[in-house]
């Protein structure tokens, strides 16, 4: 989970800079990432990540979604 947090912070920083010039064009912004680090967290880990980790990560996105690359039906909104 630590690697997911570390890399999510990096991705957020990069993606926020990329959308900055276009931010006002759309009312809502989602970030969808393929989770090649953890390959999808189990439900318990996901809940821990949502409750304990995500509140400490500031970001400008309305939703952040992680997709398990091995099974695209496993989608987790964090």
N, C-alpha and C. Protein backbone atom coordinates (compact mmCIF):
# COMPACT_ATOMS: atom_id res chain seq x y z
N UNK A 1 0.82 -1.19 0.00
CA UNK A 1 0.00 0.00 0.00
C UNK A 1 0.86 1.26 0.00
N UNK A 2 2.05 1.19 0.61
CA UNK A 2 2.93 2.36 0.64
C UNK A 2 3.38 2.77 -0.75
N UNK A 3 3.66 1.80 -1.59
CA UNK A 3 4.09 2.09 -2.96
C UNK A 3 2.95 2.72 -3.75
N UNK A 4 1.74 2.26 -3.52
CA UNK A 4 0.59 2.85 -4.22
C UNK A 4 0.45 4.31 -3.80
N UNK A 5 0.56 4.59 -2.52
CA UNK A 5 0.45 5.97 -2.03
C UNK A 5 1.56 6.84 -2.63
N UNK A 6 2.76 6.36 -2.59
CA UNK A 6 3.91 7.11 -3.11
C UNK A 6 3.72 7.44 -4.59
N UNK A 7 3.35 6.45 -5.38
CA UNK A 7 3.19 6.67 -6.80
C UNK A 7 1.93 7.46 -7.14
N UNK A 8 0.90 7.31 -6.34
CA UNK A 8 -0.30 8.11 -6.55
C UNK A 8 0.00 9.58 -6.33
N UNK A 9 0.78 9.88 -5.32
CA UNK A 9 1.17 11.28 -5.07
C UNK A 9 1.95 11.85 -6.26
N UNK A 10 2.85 11.05 -6.81
CA UNK A 10 3.62 11.50 -7.97
C UNK A 10 2.71 11.73 -9.18
N UNK A 11 1.83 10.78 -9.44
CA UNK A 11 0.91 10.91 -10.58
C UNK A 11 0.00 12.12 -10.42
N UNK A 12 -0.50 12.32 -9.23
CA UNK A 12 -1.39 13.46 -8.99
C UNK A 12 -0.68 14.77 -9.29
N UNK A 13 0.54 14.88 -8.86
CA UNK A 13 1.31 16.10 -9.09
C UNK A 13 1.48 16.37 -10.59
N UNK A 14 1.85 15.35 -11.32
CA UNK A 14 2.06 15.48 -12.76
C UNK A 14 0.74 15.79 -13.47
N UNK A 15 -0.29 15.04 -13.16
CA UNK A 15 -1.58 15.21 -13.84
C UNK A 15 -2.23 16.55 -13.51
N UNK A 16 -2.08 17.03 -12.29
CA UNK A 16 -2.65 18.33 -11.93
C UNK A 16 -2.00 19.45 -12.74
N UNK A 17 -0.68 19.36 -12.93
CA UNK A 17 0.00 20.37 -13.76
C UNK A 17 -0.49 20.30 -15.21
N UNK A 18 -0.73 19.09 -15.71
CA UNK A 18 -1.16 18.94 -17.10
C UNK A 18 -2.56 19.50 -17.34
N UNK A 19 -3.45 19.37 -16.38
CA UNK A 19 -4.82 19.84 -16.59
C UNK A 19 -5.00 21.31 -16.19
N UNK A 20 -4.05 21.89 -15.51
CA UNK A 20 -4.19 23.26 -14.99
C UNK A 20 -4.68 24.26 -16.05
N UNK A 21 -4.14 24.25 -17.27
CA UNK A 21 -4.61 25.23 -18.26
C UNK A 21 -6.06 24.99 -18.72
N UNK A 22 -6.57 23.80 -18.50
CA UNK A 22 -7.91 23.44 -18.99
C UNK A 22 -8.93 23.29 -17.87
N UNK A 23 -8.50 23.49 -16.65
CA UNK A 23 -9.31 23.22 -15.47
C UNK A 23 -10.69 23.88 -15.54
N UNK A 24 -10.75 25.10 -16.01
CA UNK A 24 -12.02 25.84 -16.05
C UNK A 24 -12.94 25.43 -17.19
N UNK A 25 -12.46 24.62 -18.11
CA UNK A 25 -13.28 24.22 -19.25
C UNK A 25 -14.34 23.19 -18.90
N UNK A 26 -14.10 22.43 -17.85
CA UNK A 26 -15.01 21.34 -17.48
C UNK A 26 -15.34 21.42 -15.99
N UNK A 27 -16.57 21.10 -15.62
CA UNK A 27 -16.98 21.22 -14.22
C UNK A 27 -16.43 20.11 -13.32
N UNK A 28 -16.02 19.00 -13.92
CA UNK A 28 -15.60 17.86 -13.11
C UNK A 28 -14.41 17.18 -13.77
N UNK A 29 -13.46 16.73 -12.92
CA UNK A 29 -12.26 16.05 -13.43
C UNK A 29 -12.07 14.74 -12.68
N UNK A 30 -11.92 13.68 -13.45
CA UNK A 30 -11.63 12.36 -12.89
C UNK A 30 -10.24 11.95 -13.34
N UNK A 31 -9.56 11.23 -12.47
CA UNK A 31 -8.27 10.64 -12.82
C UNK A 31 -8.43 9.13 -12.73
N UNK A 32 -8.20 8.45 -13.84
CA UNK A 32 -8.32 7.00 -13.90
C UNK A 32 -6.94 6.44 -14.19
N UNK A 33 -6.47 5.58 -13.29
CA UNK A 33 -5.13 5.00 -13.42
C UNK A 33 -5.19 3.49 -13.36
N UNK A 34 -4.33 2.86 -14.11
CA UNK A 34 -4.18 1.41 -14.04
C UNK A 34 -3.19 1.11 -12.93
N UNK A 35 -3.57 0.24 -12.00
CA UNK A 35 -2.75 -0.08 -10.83
C UNK A 35 -1.78 -1.22 -11.17
N UNK A 36 -0.61 -0.85 -11.68
CA UNK A 36 0.41 -1.85 -12.02
C UNK A 36 1.34 -2.13 -10.84
N UNK A 37 1.08 -1.51 -9.71
CA UNK A 37 1.93 -1.72 -8.53
C UNK A 37 1.34 -2.80 -7.65
N UNK A 38 0.10 -2.63 -7.30
CA UNK A 38 -0.57 -3.53 -6.37
C UNK A 38 -1.46 -4.54 -7.08
N UNK A 39 -1.71 -4.29 -8.37
CA UNK A 39 -2.63 -5.11 -9.16
C UNK A 39 -3.99 -5.27 -8.49
N UNK A 40 -4.49 -4.15 -8.00
CA UNK A 40 -5.81 -4.15 -7.38
C UNK A 40 -5.73 -4.59 -5.93
N UNK A 41 -6.21 -3.74 -5.05
CA UNK A 41 -6.22 -4.06 -3.63
C UNK A 41 -7.45 -4.91 -3.31
N UNK A 42 -7.33 -5.72 -2.27
CA UNK A 42 -8.54 -6.42 -1.83
C UNK A 42 -9.43 -5.42 -1.12
N UNK A 43 -10.65 -5.79 -0.84
CA UNK A 43 -11.63 -4.85 -0.28
C UNK A 43 -11.22 -4.28 1.06
N UNK A 44 -10.57 -5.08 1.91
CA UNK A 44 -10.13 -4.59 3.21
C UNK A 44 -9.04 -3.54 3.05
N UNK A 45 -8.05 -3.83 2.19
CA UNK A 45 -6.97 -2.87 1.96
C UNK A 45 -7.50 -1.59 1.33
N UNK A 46 -8.44 -1.73 0.43
CA UNK A 46 -9.03 -0.56 -0.21
C UNK A 46 -9.70 0.34 0.81
N UNK A 47 -10.44 -0.24 1.73
CA UNK A 47 -11.12 0.55 2.75
C UNK A 47 -10.11 1.26 3.66
N UNK A 48 -9.06 0.57 4.04
CA UNK A 48 -7.99 1.18 4.84
C UNK A 48 -7.37 2.33 4.06
N UNK A 49 -7.10 2.11 2.79
CA UNK A 49 -6.50 3.15 1.95
C UNK A 49 -7.42 4.36 1.87
N UNK A 50 -8.70 4.13 1.65
CA UNK A 50 -9.68 5.23 1.56
C UNK A 50 -9.75 6.03 2.86
N UNK A 51 -9.82 5.33 3.99
CA UNK A 51 -10.05 5.98 5.27
C UNK A 51 -8.78 6.58 5.88
N UNK A 52 -7.67 5.88 5.75
CA UNK A 52 -6.45 6.31 6.44
C UNK A 52 -5.46 7.06 5.56
N UNK A 53 -5.40 6.74 4.29
CA UNK A 53 -4.38 7.34 3.42
C UNK A 53 -4.93 8.50 2.61
N UNK A 54 -6.04 8.31 1.95
CA UNK A 54 -6.57 9.33 1.04
C UNK A 54 -6.84 10.69 1.71
N UNK A 55 -7.31 10.74 2.94
CA UNK A 55 -7.52 12.07 3.54
C UNK A 55 -6.24 12.91 3.65
N UNK A 56 -5.09 12.26 3.68
CA UNK A 56 -3.83 13.00 3.79
C UNK A 56 -3.28 13.42 2.42
N UNK A 57 -3.92 12.98 1.36
CA UNK A 57 -3.46 13.31 0.01
C UNK A 57 -4.35 14.40 -0.57
N UNK A 58 -3.79 15.57 -0.73
CA UNK A 58 -4.56 16.67 -1.32
C UNK A 58 -4.46 16.58 -2.83
N UNK A 59 -5.60 16.79 -3.49
CA UNK A 59 -5.60 16.73 -4.95
C UNK A 59 -6.75 17.56 -5.49
N UNK A 60 -6.71 17.80 -6.79
CA UNK A 60 -7.71 18.65 -7.43
C UNK A 60 -8.73 17.86 -8.24
N UNK A 61 -8.76 16.56 -8.09
CA UNK A 61 -9.66 15.72 -8.88
C UNK A 61 -10.95 15.43 -8.10
N UNK A 62 -12.04 15.30 -8.85
CA UNK A 62 -13.32 14.98 -8.22
C UNK A 62 -13.42 13.50 -7.89
N UNK A 63 -12.77 12.68 -8.70
CA UNK A 63 -12.71 11.23 -8.44
C UNK A 63 -11.35 10.72 -8.87
N UNK A 64 -10.89 9.72 -8.14
CA UNK A 64 -9.69 8.99 -8.52
C UNK A 64 -10.07 7.52 -8.56
N UNK A 65 -9.81 6.90 -9.68
CA UNK A 65 -10.22 5.52 -9.88
C UNK A 65 -9.00 4.69 -10.25
N UNK A 66 -8.84 3.55 -9.59
CA UNK A 66 -7.77 2.61 -9.90
C UNK A 66 -8.37 1.37 -10.54
N UNK A 67 -7.75 0.92 -11.60
CA UNK A 67 -8.23 -0.26 -12.33
C UNK A 67 -7.18 -1.36 -12.23
N UNK A 68 -7.63 -2.56 -11.92
CA UNK A 68 -6.76 -3.74 -11.90
C UNK A 68 -6.48 -4.13 -13.35
N UNK A 69 -5.23 -4.11 -13.81
CA UNK A 69 -4.94 -4.39 -15.21
C UNK A 69 -5.20 -5.84 -15.61
N UNK A 70 -5.29 -6.73 -14.65
CA UNK A 70 -5.54 -8.14 -14.96
C UNK A 70 -7.02 -8.43 -15.14
N UNK A 71 -7.85 -7.53 -14.58
CA UNK A 71 -9.30 -7.72 -14.66
C UNK A 71 -9.95 -6.34 -14.65
N UNK A 72 -10.25 -5.83 -15.81
CA UNK A 72 -10.77 -4.46 -15.92
C UNK A 72 -12.11 -4.25 -15.23
N UNK A 73 -12.76 -5.33 -14.81
CA UNK A 73 -14.01 -5.15 -14.07
C UNK A 73 -13.76 -4.82 -12.60
N UNK A 74 -12.50 -5.00 -12.16
CA UNK A 74 -12.14 -4.64 -10.78
C UNK A 74 -11.70 -3.18 -10.77
N UNK A 75 -12.64 -2.32 -10.42
CA UNK A 75 -12.42 -0.88 -10.42
C UNK A 75 -12.64 -0.37 -9.01
N UNK A 76 -11.70 0.44 -8.53
CA UNK A 76 -11.79 0.95 -7.16
C UNK A 76 -11.73 2.47 -7.17
N UNK A 77 -12.76 3.08 -6.63
CA UNK A 77 -12.72 4.54 -6.46
C UNK A 77 -12.10 4.83 -5.10
N UNK A 78 -11.03 5.59 -5.12
CA UNK A 78 -10.38 5.94 -3.87
C UNK A 78 -10.68 7.39 -3.57
